[in-house]
């Protein structure tokens, strides 16, 4: 096996073996606590600019297949695993994860103590790092990690968004049928693509939405010209303050059309109303995060992927109230406007990967569209 190194900004170095493509990869190193869903993670545009460490020790055991991709290509900067399974076993598997990573140029490292790395990131915080299969000098790699710009203030959305608008016409996946044809649409929805996951679009289409996906730089006037029944604000990578053009567009839509936001969309809404966001120490990444719905008292197990959060106190004076809270650290996980047809959550209700506890939020959006049409 080819040796590989992982060097962190604070000087910590891990030695392991190469996994995936040869070469070098740099980005913010974060850990993900999901046991499954590694292909969805690799293809989630929200991971642009990051290297992901999987805490579950065996990754790749069911292979990869075309149906599990969440976007048009992988976006993760690099991957860290304890062991990349060389002999996957699944009736759906089409290739090994190692081959998939090489095909798409994803540099990875395996054979390190991922538990030690996870504890280090939890204690010291997510930080810039470099994986290399070509540089044997750890000190030089540490210096490269220290020279990295970090995520704060960077516009990563422009790197992952589509360049032109397009229609979405694919419904949810069903066992034995694959991806289904959606029903005849009842509502027109404009979805801002800040790095949107495809299962979000499938959920919307399956509930009767004719979805048009537009680039993140689309101004509010261009959206309103289309006369949508509602607007969806997608997930995406990096710092929400790094995309002021999207904040400005959303500000122009407030009070004009119903809005539903997920993840980065939640943060963008907070900024558009005049609130503030802040960076979390090591973020929330995984498919097992408990969240309490403050409106019902129900606890949901959720899928999450974000490194920034909205300060709920900063938006309270603008008519927004907190609706969900993270039970691990008390951070805000959702909000709604007291008068306007606007709500958002910080986590991922589309469940790809992850549990289905929060699917009701898509139905809530449809109910909101229906009530506004009848108003």
Protein backbone atom coordinates (compact mmCIF):
# COMPACT_ATOMS: atom_id res chain seq x y z
CA UNK A 1 0.00 0.00 0.00
CA UNK A 2 1.10 3.56 -0.71
CA UNK A 3 1.79 5.54 2.47
CA UNK A 4 -0.20 8.73 3.09
CA UNK A 5 -0.09 11.57 5.61
CA UNK A 6 -2.73 13.79 7.18
CA UNK A 7 -1.40 17.02 8.66
CA UNK A 8 -3.53 19.48 10.63
CA UNK A 9 -3.09 23.20 11.09
CA UNK A 10 -2.23 22.80 14.78
CA UNK A 11 0.67 20.46 14.00
CA UNK A 12 -0.98 17.09 14.65
CA UNK A 13 0.05 14.49 12.04
CA UNK A 14 -1.49 11.09 11.28
CA UNK A 15 0.21 8.40 9.19
CA UNK A 16 -1.79 5.90 7.16
CA UNK A 17 -2.27 4.42 3.72
CA UNK A 18 -3.55 5.94 0.52
CA UNK A 19 -7.20 5.52 -0.39
CA UNK A 20 -8.68 6.72 -3.66
CA UNK A 21 -6.74 9.00 -5.99
CA UNK A 22 -3.04 9.74 -5.61
CA UNK A 23 -1.98 13.30 -4.93
CA UNK A 24 -2.82 15.95 -2.36
CA UNK A 25 -6.05 17.40 -0.97
CA UNK A 26 -6.62 20.31 1.40
CA UNK A 27 -9.64 21.63 3.27
CA UNK A 28 -11.31 22.02 6.64
CA UNK A 29 -11.23 18.64 8.43
CA UNK A 30 -14.56 17.67 10.03
CA UNK A 31 -16.00 14.42 11.36
CA UNK A 32 -19.26 12.76 10.34
CA UNK A 33 -21.00 10.33 12.70
CA UNK A 34 -23.13 8.51 10.11
CA UNK A 35 -22.79 4.74 9.88
CA UNK A 36 -24.07 4.64 6.30
CA UNK A 37 -24.59 7.10 3.46
CA UNK A 38 -20.96 7.64 2.51
CA UNK A 39 -21.76 8.06 -1.19
CA UNK A 40 -24.40 10.69 -0.42
CA UNK A 41 -21.81 12.45 1.73
CA UNK A 42 -19.20 12.38 -1.03
CA UNK A 43 -21.69 13.93 -3.46
CA UNK A 44 -23.22 16.50 -1.08
CA UNK A 45 -22.22 19.97 -2.36
CA UNK A 46 -22.35 21.27 1.23
CA UNK A 47 -19.00 19.52 1.80
CA UNK A 48 -17.22 21.71 -0.75
CA UNK A 49 -14.04 22.97 0.92
CA UNK A 50 -13.95 20.17 3.51
CA UNK A 51 -12.21 16.88 4.21
CA UNK A 52 -14.56 14.43 5.93
CA UNK A 53 -13.50 11.92 8.57
CA UNK A 54 -16.02 9.10 8.95
CA UNK A 55 -16.25 8.01 12.59
CA UNK A 56 -17.76 4.61 11.73
CA UNK A 57 -14.74 2.32 11.26
CA UNK A 58 -15.85 0.36 8.17
CA UNK A 59 -16.76 2.41 5.12
CA UNK A 60 -17.57 1.08 1.65
CA UNK A 61 -19.03 -2.24 2.77
CA UNK A 62 -22.05 -1.96 0.44
CA UNK A 63 -20.19 -0.36 -2.46
CA UNK A 64 -21.41 2.55 -4.53
CA UNK A 65 -24.07 2.83 -7.23
CA UNK A 66 -25.46 5.54 -9.55
CA UNK A 67 -28.77 5.87 -7.65
CA UNK A 68 -27.22 7.07 -4.38
CA UNK A 69 -25.52 10.19 -5.76
CA UNK A 70 -26.95 13.43 -4.39
CA UNK A 71 -25.64 15.73 -7.12
CA UNK A 72 -24.02 15.68 -10.53
CA UNK A 73 -20.56 14.84 -9.11
CA UNK A 74 -18.67 14.40 -5.82
CA UNK A 75 -17.74 17.66 -4.07
CA UNK A 76 -15.90 16.62 -0.93
CA UNK A 77 -12.24 17.72 -0.93
CA UNK A 78 -10.96 14.53 0.69
CA UNK A 79 -12.00 11.49 2.74
CA UNK A 80 -10.59 9.92 5.91
CA UNK A 81 -11.63 6.41 6.99
CA UNK A 82 -10.41 3.71 9.32
CA UNK A 83 -10.88 1.08 6.61
CA UNK A 84 -12.17 1.35 3.05
CA UNK A 85 -13.81 -2.01 2.39
CA UNK A 86 -12.10 -3.74 -0.55
CA UNK A 87 -14.79 -6.42 -0.93
CA UNK A 88 -18.24 -4.80 -0.76
CA UNK A 89 -21.34 -6.97 -0.60
CA UNK A 90 -24.73 -5.61 -1.70
CA UNK A 91 -27.21 -6.38 -4.45
CA UNK A 92 -27.22 -2.66 -5.27
CA UNK A 93 -23.45 -2.19 -5.26
CA UNK A 94 -21.77 -1.47 -8.60
CA UNK A 95 -18.23 -0.46 -7.62
CA UNK A 96 -15.82 -0.22 -4.70
CA UNK A 97 -15.50 3.09 -2.89
CA UNK A 98 -11.75 3.14 -3.60
CA UNK A 99 -12.39 2.85 -7.36
CA UNK A 100 -15.10 5.51 -7.19
CA UNK A 101 -12.75 7.91 -5.43
CA UNK A 102 -9.99 7.32 -7.99
CA UNK A 103 -12.44 7.83 -10.86
CA UNK A 104 -13.43 11.23 -9.47
CA UNK A 105 -10.01 12.34 -8.25
CA UNK A 106 -10.82 12.21 -4.52
CA UNK A 107 -7.70 11.85 -2.38
CA UNK A 108 -8.15 9.88 0.81
CA UNK A 109 -6.35 8.21 3.69
CA UNK A 110 -7.18 5.04 5.61
CA UNK A 111 -5.61 3.04 8.40
CA UNK A 112 -5.36 5.93 10.86
CA UNK A 113 -6.95 6.08 14.30
CA UNK A 114 -10.15 7.91 13.32
CA UNK A 115 -11.34 7.84 16.93
CA UNK A 116 -8.25 9.77 18.02
CA UNK A 117 -8.72 12.25 15.16
CA UNK A 118 -12.39 12.73 16.04
CA UNK A 119 -11.61 13.41 19.69
CA UNK A 120 -8.89 15.84 18.63
CA UNK A 121 -11.29 17.77 16.39
CA UNK A 122 -13.97 17.73 19.08
CA UNK A 123 -11.54 19.16 21.62
CA UNK A 124 -9.59 21.54 19.36
CA UNK A 125 -12.27 22.32 16.77
CA UNK A 126 -12.51 21.73 13.03
CA UNK A 127 -9.42 23.04 11.31
CA UNK A 128 -7.60 23.16 8.00
CA UNK A 129 -5.68 20.06 7.01
CA UNK A 130 -3.87 18.40 4.13
CA UNK A 131 -3.89 14.77 2.95
CA UNK A 132 -0.95 13.77 0.78
CA UNK A 133 0.29 10.61 -0.87
CA UNK A 134 3.19 12.45 -2.56
CA UNK A 135 4.76 14.63 0.15
CA UNK A 136 6.71 12.63 2.78
CA UNK A 137 7.68 15.62 4.95
CA UNK A 138 5.03 16.22 7.64
CA UNK A 139 6.39 19.65 8.54
CA UNK A 140 5.88 20.94 5.02
CA UNK A 141 2.30 19.63 5.04
CA UNK A 142 1.60 21.37 8.36
CA UNK A 143 2.84 24.63 6.85
CA UNK A 144 0.53 24.14 3.86
CA UNK A 145 -2.39 23.57 6.22
CA UNK A 146 -1.53 26.76 8.11
CA UNK A 147 -1.44 28.69 4.83
CA UNK A 148 -5.01 27.69 3.97
CA UNK A 149 -7.60 30.50 4.03
CA UNK A 150 -10.31 28.68 6.01
CA UNK A 151 -14.06 28.91 5.37
CA UNK A 152 -14.99 32.21 7.02
CA UNK A 153 -15.98 34.81 4.47
CA UNK A 154 -15.41 32.57 1.44
CA UNK A 155 -18.01 32.20 -1.31
CA UNK A 156 -18.15 28.45 -1.92
CA UNK A 157 -21.73 28.58 -3.21
CA UNK A 158 -20.59 30.01 -6.54
CA UNK A 159 -18.45 26.89 -7.04
CA UNK A 160 -21.32 24.42 -6.69
CA UNK A 161 -24.45 26.17 -7.99
CA UNK A 162 -25.85 25.55 -11.46
CA UNK A 163 -25.02 28.06 -14.19
CA UNK A 164 -28.51 28.06 -15.76
CA UNK A 165 -32.03 27.36 -14.55
CA UNK A 166 -33.65 23.99 -15.27
CA UNK A 167 -36.78 22.00 -14.48
CA UNK A 168 -36.82 18.99 -12.16
CA UNK A 169 -39.09 16.09 -13.12
CA UNK A 170 -38.01 13.10 -11.00
CA UNK A 171 -39.88 11.73 -8.00
CA UNK A 172 -38.81 9.73 -4.95
CA UNK A 173 -37.07 6.35 -5.13
CA UNK A 174 -39.11 3.23 -4.36
CA UNK A 175 -37.95 -0.34 -3.88
CA UNK A 176 -38.46 -2.35 -7.05
CA UNK A 177 -39.31 0.76 -9.09
CA UNK A 178 -36.33 3.06 -8.73
CA UNK A 179 -36.99 6.76 -9.20
CA UNK A 180 -40.67 7.35 -9.85
CA UNK A 181 -42.55 9.81 -12.01
CA UNK A 182 -44.03 12.62 -9.87
CA UNK A 183 -47.77 13.37 -9.87
CA UNK A 184 -49.33 16.15 -11.89
CA UNK A 185 -48.08 19.33 -10.21
CA UNK A 186 -50.37 21.62 -8.27
CA UNK A 187 -47.84 24.29 -7.27
CA UNK A 188 -44.98 26.16 -8.91
CA UNK A 189 -41.86 26.36 -6.76
CA UNK A 190 -38.58 28.14 -7.45
CA UNK A 191 -35.65 26.40 -5.77
CA UNK A 192 -32.47 28.37 -5.23
CA UNK A 193 -29.50 26.08 -5.87
CA UNK A 194 -26.78 26.91 -3.35
CA UNK A 195 -25.63 23.31 -3.53
CA UNK A 196 -29.00 21.60 -3.48
CA UNK A 197 -29.28 17.86 -2.82
CA UNK A 198 -31.32 15.97 -5.37
CA UNK A 199 -33.49 14.18 -2.84
CA UNK A 200 -34.82 17.56 -1.72
CA UNK A 201 -36.00 18.13 -5.27
CA UNK A 202 -37.50 14.64 -5.42
CA UNK A 203 -39.43 15.24 -2.20
CA UNK A 204 -40.87 18.49 -3.54
CA UNK A 205 -41.76 16.96 -6.91
CA UNK A 206 -43.39 13.91 -5.28
CA UNK A 207 -45.70 16.21 -3.32
CA UNK A 208 -47.00 17.97 -6.40
CA UNK A 209 -44.52 20.78 -7.02
CA UNK A 210 -43.40 21.84 -10.48
CA UNK A 211 -39.85 22.76 -9.47
CA UNK A 212 -37.61 25.15 -11.35
CA UNK A 213 -34.03 25.22 -10.08
CA UNK A 214 -32.27 28.57 -10.44
CA UNK A 215 -28.65 29.69 -9.84
CA UNK A 216 -27.84 31.17 -6.45
CA UNK A 217 -27.12 34.57 -8.03
CA UNK A 218 -30.67 34.91 -9.42
CA UNK A 219 -32.10 38.28 -8.26
CA UNK A 220 -35.45 38.52 -6.51
CA UNK A 221 -37.04 40.35 -9.44
CA UNK A 222 -36.28 37.45 -11.78
CA UNK A 223 -37.91 35.03 -9.36
CA UNK A 224 -41.02 37.17 -8.88
CA UNK A 225 -41.41 37.47 -12.66
CA UNK A 226 -42.03 33.71 -12.71
CA UNK A 227 -44.95 34.15 -10.28
CA UNK A 228 -44.16 31.10 -8.14
CA UNK A 229 -46.45 29.76 -5.43
CA UNK A 230 -43.41 29.42 -3.19
CA UNK A 231 -39.62 29.65 -2.98
CA UNK A 232 -37.25 27.06 -1.56
CA UNK A 233 -33.80 27.97 -0.21
CA UNK A 234 -31.38 25.07 -0.38
CA UNK A 235 -28.47 23.76 1.61
CA UNK A 236 -24.96 24.72 0.56
CA UNK A 237 -21.34 24.98 1.65
CA UNK A 238 -19.41 27.41 3.77
CA UNK A 239 -20.11 30.72 5.45
CA UNK A 240 -23.52 32.31 4.75
CA UNK A 241 -21.94 35.75 5.10
CA UNK A 242 -19.78 34.88 2.09
CA UNK A 243 -22.80 35.05 -0.24
CA UNK A 244 -24.24 38.55 0.25
CA UNK A 245 -25.89 38.47 -3.20
CA UNK A 246 -28.10 35.59 -2.09
CA UNK A 247 -28.96 37.36 1.17
CA UNK A 248 -29.99 40.42 -0.84
CA UNK A 249 -32.17 38.34 -3.19
CA UNK A 250 -33.96 36.67 -0.28
CA UNK A 251 -34.48 40.03 1.38
CA UNK A 252 -36.37 41.08 -1.76
CA UNK A 253 -38.63 38.02 -1.53
CA UNK A 254 -39.66 38.40 2.12
CA UNK A 255 -43.32 39.25 2.35
CA UNK A 256 -43.85 38.63 -1.36
CA UNK A 257 -43.95 34.81 -1.49
CA UNK A 258 -43.95 31.81 0.91
CA UNK A 259 -40.42 30.62 1.71
CA UNK A 260 -39.03 27.34 3.06
CA UNK A 261 -35.31 27.05 3.84
CA UNK A 262 -33.03 24.15 4.74
CA UNK A 263 -29.53 24.33 6.26
CA UNK A 264 -27.71 27.21 4.51
CA UNK A 265 -31.19 28.42 3.52
CA UNK A 266 -32.00 28.77 7.22
CA UNK A 267 -28.88 30.86 7.77
CA UNK A 268 -29.52 33.00 4.68
CA UNK A 269 -33.02 33.75 5.96
CA UNK A 270 -31.60 34.80 9.31
CA UNK A 271 -29.19 37.21 7.65
CA UNK A 272 -31.85 38.53 5.26
CA UNK A 273 -34.02 39.51 8.23
CA UNK A 274 -31.11 41.32 9.85
CA UNK A 275 -29.88 38.61 12.21
CA UNK A 276 -26.41 37.18 12.75
CA UNK A 277 -24.71 33.81 12.27
CA UNK A 278 -21.62 32.33 13.87
CA UNK A 279 -19.24 29.42 13.31
CA UNK A 280 -19.65 26.29 15.41
CA UNK A 281 -16.51 24.76 16.99
CA UNK A 282 -16.68 21.51 15.03
CA UNK A 283 -20.05 21.68 13.31
CA UNK A 284 -22.84 19.14 13.10
CA UNK A 285 -22.25 16.33 10.62
CA UNK A 286 -24.10 13.01 10.83
CA UNK A 287 -27.42 11.17 10.66
CA UNK A 288 -28.13 10.76 14.38
CA UNK A 289 -28.53 14.25 15.89
CA UNK A 290 -31.49 14.70 18.31
CA UNK A 291 -33.61 17.82 17.78
CA UNK A 292 -36.66 18.94 19.75
CA UNK A 293 -39.60 20.48 17.94
CA UNK A 294 -40.57 23.29 20.32
CA UNK A 295 -44.05 23.52 18.79
CA UNK A 296 -45.00 19.90 19.52
CA UNK A 297 -42.43 18.69 22.05
CA UNK A 298 -41.52 15.84 19.74
CA UNK A 299 -37.86 14.75 19.51
CA UNK A 300 -36.62 13.93 16.02
CA UNK A 301 -33.46 12.08 15.03
CA UNK A 302 -32.05 14.16 12.21
CA UNK A 303 -29.41 14.27 9.49
CA UNK A 304 -27.17 17.32 9.71
CA UNK A 305 -24.31 18.94 7.84
CA UNK A 306 -23.42 22.50 8.79
CA UNK A 307 -20.61 24.46 10.39
CA UNK A 308 -22.50 27.71 11.03
CA UNK A 309 -25.67 28.54 12.98
CA UNK A 310 -28.17 31.36 13.42
CA UNK A 311 -28.23 33.26 16.71
CA UNK A 312 -31.97 33.07 17.55
CA UNK A 313 -31.77 36.15 19.79
CA UNK A 314 -30.60 38.24 16.84
CA UNK A 315 -33.74 37.55 14.78
CA UNK A 316 -36.40 37.64 17.51
CA UNK A 317 -36.99 41.36 17.11
CA UNK A 318 -37.70 40.85 13.39
CA UNK A 319 -40.70 38.61 14.00
CA UNK A 320 -38.92 35.25 13.89
CA UNK A 321 -39.32 32.66 16.64
CA UNK A 322 -37.24 29.58 17.28
CA UNK A 323 -39.05 26.31 16.48
CA UNK A 324 -36.37 23.63 16.88
CA UNK A 325 -33.37 23.20 19.16
CA UNK A 326 -30.43 20.80 19.10
CA UNK A 327 -30.43 18.60 22.21
CA UNK A 328 -26.66 18.00 22.05
CA UNK A 329 -25.52 21.61 22.37
CA UNK A 330 -28.64 23.78 22.53
CA UNK A 331 -28.03 25.54 19.22
CA UNK A 332 -30.92 26.73 17.07
CA UNK A 333 -32.25 24.23 14.53
CA UNK A 334 -35.22 26.06 13.04
CA UNK A 335 -37.40 29.15 13.02
CA UNK A 336 -40.62 30.57 11.62
CA UNK A 337 -42.08 34.03 11.17
CA UNK A 338 -44.96 34.91 13.45
CA UNK A 339 -46.99 36.54 10.66
CA UNK A 340 -45.42 35.83 7.25
CA UNK A 341 -45.55 32.40 5.50
CA UNK A 342 -41.87 31.68 6.14
CA UNK A 343 -40.15 28.86 8.01
CA UNK A 344 -36.81 27.03 7.92
CA UNK A 345 -34.77 24.34 9.61
CA UNK A 346 -31.03 23.91 10.07
CA UNK A 347 -31.01 20.14 9.54
CA UNK A 348 -31.80 17.94 6.51
CA UNK A 349 -35.35 16.51 6.41
CA UNK A 350 -34.86 14.84 3.00
CA UNK A 351 -33.20 11.83 4.69
CA UNK A 352 -30.53 11.04 2.14
CA UNK A 353 -28.72 9.76 4.06
CA UNK A 354 -30.49 9.74 7.38
CA UNK A 355 -33.76 8.99 9.17
CA UNK A 356 -37.25 9.92 7.94
CA UNK A 357 -38.43 11.66 11.11
CA UNK A 358 -38.59 15.11 9.53
CA UNK A 359 -40.33 14.34 6.22
CA UNK A 360 -43.37 16.17 7.59
CA UNK A 361 -41.64 19.49 6.91
CA UNK A 362 -42.12 19.09 3.18
CA UNK A 363 -45.83 18.44 3.75
CA UNK A 364 -45.92 21.52 5.97
CA UNK A 365 -44.56 23.56 3.07
CA UNK A 366 -47.27 22.18 0.76
CA UNK A 367 -49.94 23.05 3.34
CA UNK A 368 -48.50 26.55 3.55
CA UNK A 369 -48.68 26.95 -0.23
CA UNK A 370 -52.24 25.69 -0.25
CA UNK A 371 -53.34 28.05 2.52
CA UNK A 372 -51.71 31.04 0.83
CA UNK A 373 -53.40 30.23 -2.46
CA UNK A 374 -56.77 30.22 -0.72
CA UNK A 375 -56.06 33.40 1.25
